[in-house]
Amino acid sequence: MGASAVKRFGTLDGLELVKLPRRLKVEEAIRLYRRMPAVLYVEPNFIVQALVVPNDPQLGLLWGLDNGGNTSRGVSGTGAQITVQTPRAGEAWYINRNVTIRWASRGLSGNVKIGISRDGGINWQPVQSNTSNDGEQTWKVTGPATRRGRIRVCNLSGVVCDTSDANFTIQRDVLIN
């Protein structure tokens, strides 16, 4: 078919973004990929963007919304943005030790909420549900251990978010005698 892998996603083994040859139309490529026994799922790479801030008072409770670790695009008309700075890819955080989660924000007023994922960004639990948007939060790391940790920082409505760019490790402290 002549397609080439542009990006491989760590959250799902084998998930790839491919670039099609110019002569191949998206619809035809989808039809061809669906015939391949090794391909479980195929769809066009749609790009969507919120044009307005939803007025749903429960929107901030929807922790399943995720932008895949990309720097958040500004909410229309506000230019608001959050960028998670730590943890970084490959870092190791130890259970029961204090760490500092850091982020930068622009055009954002009000507090933020911070979440932790232990499965590469699929499921989230709160670290802080309402904390000052001052760019850092100390957190006493909790278990269980994981090699697929991610941190997400969002405004309280959950519209402007960012997720750490790659997985980090949460592990038990090791004592050596």
Protein backbone atom coordinates (compact mmCIF):
# COMPACT_ATOMS: atom_id res chain seq x y z
CA MET A 1 0.00 0.00 0.00
CA GLY A 2 2.98 2.30 0.55
CA ALA A 3 1.89 3.91 3.84
CA SER A 4 4.59 4.81 6.37
CA ALA A 5 4.32 4.96 10.17
CA VAL A 6 4.58 8.56 11.40
CA LYS A 7 3.94 7.95 15.11
CA ARG A 8 3.67 4.94 17.41
CA PHE A 9 1.57 5.29 20.55
CA GLY A 10 2.81 3.72 23.79
CA THR A 11 -0.64 3.44 25.34
CA LEU A 12 -1.71 0.63 23.01
CA ASP A 13 0.72 -1.89 21.58
CA GLY A 14 0.76 -1.67 17.79
CA LEU A 15 -1.26 1.56 17.50
CA GLU A 16 0.20 3.74 14.74
CA LEU A 17 -0.52 6.94 12.86
CA VAL A 18 0.35 6.40 9.20
CA LYS A 19 0.95 8.75 6.29
CA LEU A 20 -0.62 7.64 3.05
CA PRO A 21 0.98 8.03 -0.38
CA ARG A 22 -0.43 11.00 -2.28
CA ARG A 23 -2.12 8.81 -4.86
CA LEU A 24 -4.10 6.84 -2.23
CA LYS A 25 -7.39 8.30 -1.00
CA VAL A 26 -8.28 7.94 2.71
CA GLU A 27 -11.48 5.99 1.96
CA GLU A 28 -9.58 3.47 -0.18
CA ALA A 29 -6.85 3.06 2.44
CA ILE A 30 -9.47 2.37 5.13
CA ARG A 31 -11.09 -0.26 2.90
CA LEU A 32 -7.70 -1.93 2.29
CA TYR A 33 -6.65 -1.85 5.97
CA ARG A 34 -9.98 -3.40 7.03
CA ARG A 35 -9.20 -6.43 4.83
CA MET A 36 -5.90 -7.08 6.65
CA PRO A 37 -6.26 -9.73 9.40
CA ALA A 38 -3.57 -8.06 11.58
CA VAL A 39 -5.44 -4.73 11.64
CA LEU A 40 -8.01 -4.53 14.43
CA TYR A 41 -9.09 -0.92 13.99
CA VAL A 42 -8.72 1.86 11.42
CA GLU A 43 -10.13 5.38 11.19
CA PRO A 44 -9.23 8.73 9.61
CA ASN A 45 -7.12 11.10 11.71
CA PHE A 46 -9.81 13.63 12.53
CA ILE A 47 -8.74 16.91 14.10
CA VAL A 48 -11.36 18.49 16.35
CA GLN A 49 -11.29 21.65 18.40
CA ALA A 50 -13.73 23.16 20.88
CA LEU A 51 -15.15 26.42 19.56
CA VAL A 52 -16.96 27.38 22.76
CA VAL A 53 -16.68 26.54 26.45
CA PRO A 54 -19.52 24.13 27.36
CA ASN A 55 -21.99 25.40 29.95
CA ASP A 56 -22.43 21.97 31.58
CA PRO A 57 -21.94 22.47 35.36
CA GLN A 58 -20.74 18.84 35.64
CA LEU A 59 -18.09 19.18 32.91
CA GLY A 60 -15.26 19.35 35.43
CA LEU A 61 -16.16 15.86 36.67
CA LEU A 62 -15.47 14.29 33.27
CA TRP A 63 -11.95 13.02 33.92
CA GLY A 64 -12.12 10.80 30.84
CA LEU A 65 -11.48 13.77 28.56
CA ASP A 66 -7.88 13.74 27.41
CA ASN A 67 -5.77 15.40 24.77
CA GLY A 68 -3.17 12.67 24.55
CA GLY A 69 -0.45 14.64 26.31
CA ASN A 70 -0.39 17.51 23.86
CA THR A 71 -0.15 21.09 25.02
CA SER A 72 -3.72 22.29 25.29
CA ARG A 73 -5.01 24.57 22.59
CA GLY A 74 -6.52 27.77 23.84
CA VAL A 75 -10.22 27.82 24.50
CA SER A 76 -11.75 30.01 21.79
CA GLY A 77 -11.42 33.67 22.66
CA THR A 78 -9.27 33.15 25.76
CA GLY A 79 -5.88 31.85 24.60
CA ALA A 80 -5.78 29.81 27.82
CA GLN A 81 -3.10 27.11 27.99
CA ILE A 82 -1.55 24.68 30.49
CA THR A 83 1.74 22.83 29.99
CA VAL A 84 2.84 20.09 32.41
CA GLN A 85 6.60 20.44 33.03
CA THR A 86 7.25 17.66 35.58
CA PRO A 87 7.28 14.74 35.77
CA ARG A 88 9.42 14.13 32.70
CA ALA A 89 9.69 10.95 30.67
CA GLY A 90 11.64 8.23 32.41
CA GLU A 91 11.64 9.87 35.85
CA ALA A 92 11.21 7.62 38.88
CA TRP A 93 9.05 8.75 41.78
CA TYR A 94 9.11 6.78 45.01
CA ILE A 95 6.03 5.82 47.03
CA ASN A 96 5.71 7.78 50.32
CA ARG A 97 8.17 10.49 49.21
CA ASN A 98 7.22 14.08 48.47
CA VAL A 99 7.59 15.27 44.88
CA THR A 100 6.75 18.54 43.18
CA ILE A 101 4.40 18.52 40.19
CA ARG A 102 5.14 21.57 38.01
CA TRP A 103 3.20 23.23 35.21
CA ALA A 104 3.00 26.54 33.40
CA SER A 105 -0.23 28.28 32.45
CA ARG A 106 -1.12 31.25 30.32
CA GLY A 107 -4.39 33.16 30.07
CA LEU A 108 -5.97 31.06 32.80
CA SER A 109 -7.63 32.46 35.90
CA GLY A 110 -8.83 30.39 38.84
CA ASN A 111 -7.63 27.18 40.39
CA VAL A 112 -6.67 23.88 38.75
CA LYS A 113 -7.15 20.19 39.42
CA ILE A 114 -4.43 17.54 39.14
CA GLY A 115 -4.91 13.88 38.29
CA ILE A 116 -2.74 10.76 38.21
CA SER A 117 -2.99 7.88 35.74
CA ARG A 118 -1.20 4.60 36.35
CA ASP A 119 -2.14 3.08 32.99
CA GLY A 120 -0.64 5.54 30.50
CA GLY A 121 -3.53 8.02 30.54
CA ILE A 122 -6.57 5.77 30.21
CA ASN A 123 -7.98 6.07 33.75
CA TRP A 124 -7.48 8.96 36.18
CA GLN A 125 -7.68 9.51 39.93
CA PRO A 126 -7.48 12.92 41.61
CA VAL A 127 -4.27 14.12 43.27
CA GLN A 128 -5.80 17.54 44.06
CA SER A 129 -9.35 18.44 43.05
CA ASN A 130 -8.93 22.18 43.64
CA THR A 131 -5.56 23.86 44.15
CA SER A 132 -4.00 27.23 43.41
CA ASN A 133 -2.77 27.76 39.84
CA ASP A 134 0.69 28.75 41.07
CA GLY A 135 2.63 26.33 38.87
CA GLU A 136 3.55 23.73 41.47
CA GLN A 137 2.02 21.27 43.89
CA THR A 138 3.80 19.08 46.41
CA TRP A 139 2.39 15.56 46.49
CA LYS A 140 3.25 12.59 48.70
CA VAL A 141 3.41 9.79 46.14
CA THR A 142 0.94 6.96 46.71
CA GLY A 143 0.93 3.39 45.45
CA PRO A 144 0.46 1.18 43.64
CA ALA A 145 3.69 1.13 41.65
CA THR A 146 3.55 1.56 37.86
CA ARG A 147 5.78 2.11 34.85
CA ARG A 148 2.99 3.93 33.02
CA GLY A 149 2.40 6.97 35.25
CA ARG A 150 1.06 10.23 33.81
CA ILE A 151 0.10 13.53 35.46
CA ARG A 152 -2.65 15.78 34.12
CA VAL A 153 -3.37 19.40 35.12
CA CYS A 154 -6.69 21.00 34.10
CA ASN A 155 -8.64 24.12 34.88
CA LEU A 156 -11.57 23.29 37.17
CA SER A 157 -14.04 23.01 34.30
CA GLY A 158 -11.75 20.47 32.60
CA VAL A 159 -11.71 22.36 29.30
CA VAL A 160 -8.05 23.45 29.34
CA CYS A 161 -5.73 20.52 30.18
CA ASP A 162 -2.31 19.09 29.59
CA THR A 163 -0.90 15.65 30.34
CA SER A 164 2.75 14.79 30.96
CA ASP A 165 4.36 14.04 27.60
CA ALA A 166 5.42 10.47 28.34
CA ASN A 167 5.22 7.79 31.02
CA PHE A 168 7.17 7.97 34.25
CA THR A 169 7.69 5.32 36.95
CA ILE A 170 6.23 5.11 40.44
CA GLN A 171 8.14 2.57 42.50
CA ARG A 172 8.74 1.38 46.02
CA ASP A 173 11.72 2.72 47.90
CA VAL A 174 14.59 0.24 47.96
CA LEU A 175 16.74 -0.09 51.09
CA ILE A 176 20.20 -1.57 50.71
CA ASN A 177 22.02 -2.95 53.77
